Amino acid sequence: MQHFRGTPFFSKAEHRMFRLKRFPRILISFYIIGYIFAFFALFYQTKWVFAVITFASSALLNVLNVMSDEYRSTKYFIRAKKLIDKGQLDVAADAIVTAARIMPNEDILVQINATVKKNPQHYGKTAALLEQRFKEFDSPFLRFVASSFYYSVHDLGKARDVMIDVPYADLTIKATRLLGSVLYELGDYAKAIRVFTPFDPQRNPANEDELAILYGIAICHIARKESRKAVEFLTRIKAKSPKFGNAENLIKQLNEEPASTST
């Protein structure tokens, strides 16, 4: 079992200092509106005190946002994407490692993978460069990044191999979605089910990630000709979102199959 270890990004002294992991997103709207109010209040002499207080409060919230780990990590990821598009892959890989050291920022990774890629082949090459950096810094999240880049160029074998050493307990639901999908596409349905199962909510799904987990288990059962089990999971999906993965129509099709094919 792989043990993940890397050089600490922050010194012990810095760790003792105040650190904000994530800045509440609703407060971003507050300080933007505050800047606007402060600007217009300056045109009214009787509102100058209000303008100064509002501007100072907004500036403080802005600074806290910029200091947050999420903001700093996002900044490096966005820079890395631009560098990948330009073909500066070594520098991009370093920027991704820096971002991963700051925090495992899955939201920005999902956004980057969802965007149109100018040079898709660059992502596979960047993934290979990230693998070379595992000796310097290794983490489940960094492997998730590399695996997702391999997956984007449909290099399923490498996408699997990068993630396969990550203990199931260290997988997040988004990383599990990726690994399970890779195993499914490789035809390893039994292993895909084992990967997906720890994130089965054991109730109706509450969000898109949980819907995807149940759907992944369902289509694995379909591939294994286990129609009844597939219907059980698809029914839970239907209860939350009938159109997700065409669940409603799949249930109808599976229920119409001859009894001999349903197990």
Protein backbone atom coordinates (compact mmCIF):
# COMPACT_ATOMS: atom_id res chain seq x y z
CA MET A 1 0.00 0.00 0.00
CA GLN A 2 1.37 3.37 -1.07
CA HIS A 3 2.29 5.83 1.65
CA PHE A 4 2.04 9.40 0.46
CA ARG A 5 4.60 11.84 1.65
CA GLY A 6 6.01 15.07 0.34
CA THR A 7 8.18 17.96 1.38
CA PRO A 8 6.05 20.32 3.51
CA PHE A 9 5.09 23.41 1.55
CA PHE A 10 4.81 25.54 4.67
CA SER A 11 7.32 25.87 7.45
CA LYS A 12 6.30 25.04 11.03
CA ALA A 13 6.22 28.74 11.82
CA GLU A 14 3.85 29.37 8.92
CA HIS A 15 1.62 26.52 10.02
CA ARG A 16 1.24 28.22 13.40
CA MET A 17 0.02 31.36 11.68
CA PHE A 18 -3.61 31.91 10.76
CA ARG A 19 -4.57 30.10 7.57
CA LEU A 20 -7.92 30.20 5.83
CA LYS A 21 -8.53 27.10 3.77
CA ARG A 22 -11.65 28.24 1.95
CA PHE A 23 -13.20 31.69 1.84
CA PRO A 24 -17.04 31.59 2.03
CA ARG A 25 -18.20 32.31 -1.50
CA ILE A 26 -21.22 34.29 -0.40
CA LEU A 27 -18.84 36.84 1.16
CA ILE A 28 -17.24 37.42 -2.25
CA SER A 29 -20.53 38.90 -3.42
CA PHE A 30 -20.70 40.99 -0.26
CA TYR A 31 -17.32 42.65 -0.76
CA ILE A 32 -17.93 43.27 -4.47
CA ILE A 33 -21.24 44.97 -3.65
CA GLY A 34 -19.47 46.81 -0.84
CA TYR A 35 -16.92 48.26 -3.28
CA ILE A 36 -19.75 49.45 -5.52
CA PHE A 37 -21.67 51.05 -2.66
CA ALA A 38 -18.51 52.72 -1.36
CA PHE A 39 -17.73 54.17 -4.79
CA PHE A 40 -21.15 55.74 -5.24
CA ALA A 41 -21.29 56.93 -1.62
CA LEU A 42 -18.22 59.09 -2.28
CA PHE A 43 -20.37 61.36 -4.45
CA TYR A 44 -22.38 62.35 -1.39
CA GLN A 45 -20.49 64.30 1.26
CA THR A 46 -22.83 63.13 4.01
CA LYS A 47 -22.03 59.51 3.13
CA TRP A 48 -18.22 59.73 3.23
CA VAL A 49 -17.94 58.03 6.61
CA PHE A 50 -20.19 55.22 5.37
CA ALA A 51 -18.08 54.97 2.18
CA VAL A 52 -14.81 54.67 4.11
CA ILE A 53 -16.18 52.04 6.50
CA THR A 54 -17.74 50.04 3.64
CA PHE A 55 -14.58 50.25 1.55
CA ALA A 56 -12.38 49.16 4.48
CA SER A 57 -14.67 46.22 5.29
CA SER A 58 -14.77 45.13 1.66
CA ALA A 59 -11.00 45.43 1.35
CA LEU A 60 -10.50 43.27 4.45
CA LEU A 61 -12.78 40.55 3.04
CA ASN A 62 -10.97 40.79 -0.29
CA VAL A 63 -7.59 40.33 1.37
CA LEU A 64 -8.85 37.33 3.32
CA ASN A 65 -10.08 35.77 0.08
CA VAL A 66 -6.75 36.31 -1.66
CA MET A 67 -4.93 34.80 1.34
CA SER A 68 -7.09 31.66 1.34
CA ASP A 69 -5.56 28.35 0.26
CA GLU A 70 -8.35 27.82 -2.27
CA TYR A 71 -7.67 31.13 -4.01
CA ARG A 72 -3.92 30.57 -4.14
CA SER A 73 -4.30 27.01 -5.38
CA THR A 74 -6.80 28.12 -8.03
CA LYS A 75 -4.38 30.79 -9.23
CA TYR A 76 -1.65 28.20 -9.83
CA PHE A 77 -4.06 25.83 -11.59
CA ILE A 78 -5.29 28.55 -13.94
CA ARG A 79 -1.68 29.48 -14.70
CA ALA A 80 -0.89 25.82 -15.34
CA LYS A 81 -3.75 25.50 -17.84
CA LYS A 82 -2.51 28.51 -19.80
CA LEU A 83 1.01 27.05 -19.81
CA ILE A 84 -0.26 23.66 -21.02
CA ASP A 85 -2.10 25.34 -23.88
CA LYS A 86 1.13 27.13 -24.82
CA GLY A 87 3.18 23.93 -24.64
CA GLN A 88 5.26 24.97 -21.62
CA LEU A 89 4.64 21.64 -19.97
CA ASP A 90 7.50 21.44 -17.45
CA VAL A 91 6.58 24.82 -15.97
CA ALA A 92 2.92 23.80 -15.98
CA ALA A 93 3.70 20.59 -14.09
CA ASP A 94 5.61 22.57 -11.46
CA ALA A 95 2.66 24.96 -11.07
CA ILE A 96 0.29 22.01 -10.57
CA VAL A 97 2.54 20.49 -7.92
CA THR A 98 2.63 23.85 -6.13
CA ALA A 99 -1.16 24.05 -6.27
CA ALA A 100 -1.46 20.49 -4.93
CA ARG A 101 0.91 21.29 -2.06
CA ILE A 102 -1.32 24.21 -1.04
CA MET A 103 -4.56 22.22 -1.03
CA PRO A 104 -6.42 19.51 -2.96
CA ASN A 105 -8.57 21.81 -5.06
CA GLU A 106 -10.91 19.42 -6.84
CA ASP A 107 -13.41 22.05 -7.95
CA ILE A 108 -10.94 23.92 -10.17
CA LEU A 109 -9.58 20.62 -11.52
CA VAL A 110 -13.09 19.61 -12.61
CA GLN A 111 -13.57 23.00 -14.27
CA ILE A 112 -10.27 22.71 -16.14
CA ASN A 113 -11.06 19.20 -17.36
CA ALA A 114 -14.49 20.38 -18.52
CA THR A 115 -13.11 23.19 -20.70
CA VAL A 116 -12.25 22.84 -24.37
CA LYS A 117 -8.56 21.94 -24.69
CA LYS A 118 -6.56 23.70 -27.40
CA ASN A 119 -3.92 20.97 -27.46
CA PRO A 120 -5.38 17.81 -25.89
CA GLN A 121 -2.17 15.82 -26.38
CA HIS A 122 -0.37 18.23 -24.05
CA TYR A 123 -2.42 16.94 -21.12
CA GLY A 124 -1.16 13.40 -21.52
CA LYS A 125 2.42 14.68 -21.66
CA THR A 126 1.84 16.84 -18.59
CA ALA A 127 0.50 13.80 -16.73
CA ALA A 128 3.74 11.96 -17.50
CA LEU A 129 5.72 14.92 -16.11
CA LEU A 130 3.60 14.88 -12.96
CA GLU A 131 4.44 11.19 -12.50
CA GLN A 132 8.12 12.08 -12.57
CA ARG A 133 7.49 14.52 -9.73
CA PHE A 134 5.91 11.89 -7.45
CA LYS A 135 9.35 11.27 -5.92
CA GLU A 136 9.46 14.90 -4.81
CA PHE A 137 5.84 15.21 -3.76
CA ASP A 138 3.15 12.54 -3.83
CA SER A 139 -0.46 12.75 -2.74
CA PRO A 140 -3.79 11.17 -3.67
CA PHE A 141 -4.89 14.49 -5.15
CA LEU A 142 -1.82 14.88 -7.36
CA ARG A 143 -2.41 11.36 -8.65
CA PHE A 144 -6.03 12.30 -9.29
CA VAL A 145 -4.82 15.22 -11.42
CA ALA A 146 -2.43 13.04 -13.43
CA SER A 147 -5.05 10.31 -13.87
CA SER A 148 -7.68 12.80 -15.04
CA PHE A 149 -5.23 14.17 -17.64
CA TYR A 150 -4.49 10.66 -18.90
CA TYR A 151 -8.22 9.99 -19.03
CA SER A 152 -8.77 13.16 -21.09
CA VAL A 153 -6.52 11.72 -23.81
CA HIS A 154 -8.11 8.28 -23.37
CA ASP A 155 -4.97 6.62 -22.06
CA LEU A 156 -7.00 4.36 -19.79
CA GLY A 157 -4.17 2.06 -18.76
CA LYS A 158 -2.07 4.90 -17.37
CA ALA A 159 -5.12 6.58 -15.86
CA ARG A 160 -5.73 3.37 -13.92
CA ASP A 161 -2.11 2.70 -12.98
CA VAL A 162 -1.62 6.18 -11.51
CA MET A 163 -4.62 5.81 -9.21
CA ILE A 164 -4.48 2.11 -8.40
CA ASP A 165 -1.97 2.54 -5.52
CA VAL A 166 -4.15 5.08 -3.71
CA PRO A 167 -5.85 3.36 -0.73
CA TYR A 168 -9.62 3.36 -1.09
CA ALA A 169 -9.85 5.24 2.21
CA ASP A 170 -7.91 8.14 0.66
CA LEU A 171 -10.15 8.44 -2.40
CA THR A 172 -12.63 11.30 -2.53
CA ILE A 173 -15.96 10.84 -4.25
CA LYS A 174 -14.75 12.70 -7.35
CA ALA A 175 -11.57 10.62 -7.57
CA THR A 176 -13.68 7.51 -7.11
CA ARG A 177 -15.91 8.54 -10.01
CA LEU A 178 -12.83 8.79 -12.20
CA LEU A 179 -11.20 5.51 -11.16
CA GLY A 180 -14.49 3.63 -11.35
CA SER A 181 -15.15 5.01 -14.83
CA VAL A 182 -11.67 4.00 -15.98
CA LEU A 183 -12.12 0.45 -14.67
CA TYR A 184 -15.55 0.24 -16.29
CA GLU A 185 -14.19 1.32 -19.68
CA LEU A 186 -11.39 -1.23 -19.31
CA GLY A 187 -14.00 -3.92 -18.72
CA ASP A 188 -13.04 -4.62 -15.11
CA TYR A 189 -16.62 -4.39 -13.88
CA ALA A 190 -16.21 -6.28 -10.60
CA LYS A 191 -13.35 -4.04 -9.49
CA ALA A 192 -15.22 -0.93 -10.60
CA ILE A 193 -18.12 -1.95 -8.35
CA ARG A 194 -15.72 -2.44 -5.43
CA VAL A 195 -14.32 1.04 -6.02
CA PHE A 196 -17.74 2.70 -6.30
CA THR A 197 -19.42 0.90 -3.39
CA PRO A 198 -17.82 2.76 -0.42
CA PHE A 199 -19.50 5.94 -1.71
CA ASP A 200 -22.92 4.35 -2.13
CA PRO A 201 -25.02 6.71 0.07
CA GLN A 202 -27.31 3.81 1.08
CA ARG A 203 -30.27 6.12 0.43
CA ASN A 204 -31.53 8.21 -2.44
CA PRO A 205 -28.67 10.35 -3.83
CA ALA A 206 -28.39 13.95 -2.65
CA ASN A 207 -26.16 15.43 -5.37
CA GLU A 208 -24.58 14.84 -8.78
CA ASP A 209 -21.58 12.98 -7.36
CA GLU A 210 -23.80 10.48 -5.56
CA LEU A 211 -25.98 10.10 -8.66
CA ALA A 212 -22.86 9.30 -10.68
CA ILE A 213 -21.71 6.71 -8.13
CA LEU A 214 -25.04 4.88 -8.26
CA TYR A 215 -25.09 5.12 -12.04
CA GLY A 216 -21.58 3.69 -12.24
CA ILE A 217 -22.61 0.70 -10.12
CA ALA A 218 -25.78 0.24 -12.20
CA ILE A 219 -24.04 0.15 -15.59
CA CYS A 220 -21.43 -2.26 -14.21
CA HIS A 221 -24.25 -4.61 -13.21
CA ILE A 222 -25.78 -4.18 -16.67
CA ALA A 223 -22.46 -5.15 -18.24
CA ARG A 224 -22.38 -8.22 -15.98
CA LYS A 225 -25.94 -9.15 -17.09
CA GLU A 226 -27.21 -8.53 -13.54
CA SER A 227 -30.36 -6.68 -14.54
CA ARG A 228 -32.22 -6.87 -11.23
CA LYS A 229 -29.33 -5.36 -9.31
CA ALA A 230 -28.97 -2.67 -11.97
CA VAL A 231 -32.67 -1.78 -11.65
CA GLU A 232 -32.29 -1.38 -7.88
CA PHE A 233 -29.65 1.31 -8.32
CA LEU A 234 -31.38 2.96 -11.29
CA THR A 235 -34.59 3.19 -9.28
CA ARG A 236 -32.79 5.20 -6.62
CA ILE A 237 -31.41 7.46 -9.33
CA LYS A 238 -34.89 7.88 -10.81
CA ALA A 239 -36.25 8.98 -7.44
CA LYS A 240 -33.88 11.94 -7.47
CA SER A 241 -33.42 12.66 -11.18
CA PRO A 242 -35.29 10.48 -13.72
CA LYS A 243 -33.34 11.89 -16.66
CA PHE A 244 -29.87 11.35 -15.16
CA GLY A 245 -28.09 8.78 -17.31
CA ASN A 246 -31.43 8.06 -19.01
CA ALA A 247 -32.29 6.06 -15.86
CA GLU A 248 -36.03 5.96 -16.45
CA ASN A 249 -35.71 4.46 -19.94
CA LEU A 250 -33.02 2.03 -18.82
CA ILE A 251 -35.33 0.68 -16.12
CA LYS A 252 -38.06 0.10 -18.71
CA GLN A 253 -35.64 -1.68 -21.04
CA LEU A 254 -34.25 -3.89 -18.29
CA ASN A 255 -37.70 -4.80 -17.01
CA GLU A 256 -38.68 -5.87 -20.51
CA GLU A 257 -35.75 -8.27 -20.80
CA PRO A 258 -36.47 -12.02 -20.66
CA ALA A 259 -36.41 -13.37 -17.10
CA SER A 260 -33.47 -15.62 -17.96
CA THR A 261 -31.18 -12.59 -18.33
CA SER A 262 -32.11 -11.02 -15.00
CA THR A 263 -30.17 -12.14 -11.94
